[in-house]
């Protein structure tokens, strides 16, 4: 099956040790037909939260989505 490439941007806001924190990332993802936006969002959100945990050693709490964009990468 052919995969489709999407460009994404995701910014999260939350707290780390009571301090307001913003974390985000962007890139491309290659998905199979039938994959949902929700599945992609959840996977990318988890990835960003794991990156924050790896850098700080602390889980981000009270997480909210500030920006979420997912569009076909082809113009």
Protein backbone atom coordinates (compact mmCIF):
# COMPACT_ATOMS: atom_id res chain seq x y z
CA UNK A 1 0.00 0.00 0.00
CA UNK A 2 1.19 3.48 -0.80
CA UNK A 3 1.91 5.75 2.11
CA UNK A 4 0.97 9.43 2.13
CA UNK A 5 3.36 12.02 3.54
CA UNK A 6 2.00 14.73 5.83
CA UNK A 7 3.72 17.72 7.39
CA UNK A 8 2.80 18.35 11.02
CA UNK A 9 3.29 20.97 13.74
CA UNK A 10 2.36 20.33 17.37
CA UNK A 11 2.84 22.68 20.33
CA UNK A 12 1.92 21.71 23.88
CA UNK A 13 1.65 23.80 27.02
CA UNK A 14 1.78 22.40 30.54
CA UNK A 15 3.64 22.56 33.82
CA UNK A 16 6.89 21.03 35.01
CA UNK A 17 7.42 21.29 38.77
CA UNK A 18 4.74 24.01 38.85
CA UNK A 19 6.41 26.11 36.15
CA UNK A 20 4.47 26.91 32.97
CA UNK A 21 6.26 25.21 30.05
CA UNK A 22 5.79 25.10 26.29
CA UNK A 23 7.16 22.27 24.14
CA UNK A 24 6.68 21.48 20.49
CA UNK A 25 8.08 19.94 17.37
CA UNK A 26 7.41 19.58 13.66
CA UNK A 27 8.26 17.23 10.84
CA UNK A 28 6.80 14.79 8.36
CA UNK A 29 5.04 11.51 8.93
CA UNK A 30 4.33 8.77 6.38
CA UNK A 31 1.00 7.06 6.96
CA UNK A 32 -0.90 4.16 5.47
CA UNK A 33 -4.43 4.59 4.14
CA UNK A 34 -6.98 4.26 6.93
CA UNK A 35 -4.82 5.96 9.55
CA UNK A 36 -6.80 8.61 11.40
CA UNK A 37 -5.81 12.16 12.41
CA UNK A 38 -6.49 11.12 16.00
CA UNK A 39 -4.01 8.23 15.79
CA UNK A 40 -1.32 10.50 14.35
CA UNK A 41 -2.00 13.22 16.96
CA UNK A 42 -1.81 10.77 19.88
CA UNK A 43 1.45 9.26 18.58
CA UNK A 44 3.10 12.65 18.07
CA UNK A 45 1.83 14.05 21.39
CA UNK A 46 3.28 11.05 23.22
CA UNK A 47 6.58 11.49 21.37
CA UNK A 48 6.87 15.14 22.44
CA UNK A 49 6.00 14.31 26.04
CA UNK A 50 8.65 11.54 26.05
CA UNK A 51 11.21 14.05 24.69
CA UNK A 52 10.37 16.46 27.53
CA UNK A 53 10.68 13.66 30.08
CA UNK A 54 14.05 12.65 28.61
CA UNK A 55 15.39 16.22 28.79
CA UNK A 56 14.01 17.16 32.20
CA UNK A 57 13.46 13.87 34.02
CA UNK A 58 9.95 15.09 34.91
CA UNK A 59 6.56 14.39 33.35
CA UNK A 60 4.76 17.45 32.00
CA UNK A 61 1.44 17.91 33.82
CA UNK A 62 -1.80 19.73 32.93
CA UNK A 63 -1.00 19.39 29.21
CA UNK A 64 -3.01 21.38 26.67
CA UNK A 65 -2.62 21.61 22.91
CA UNK A 66 -1.75 25.12 21.72
CA UNK A 67 -1.24 24.32 18.04
CA UNK A 68 -1.94 21.22 15.95
CA UNK A 69 -1.57 21.20 12.18
CA UNK A 70 -1.51 18.20 9.83
CA UNK A 71 -1.53 18.73 6.08
CA UNK A 72 -0.41 16.82 3.02
CA UNK A 73 3.24 17.60 2.42
CA UNK A 74 2.81 17.79 -1.35
CA UNK A 75 2.03 21.28 -2.70
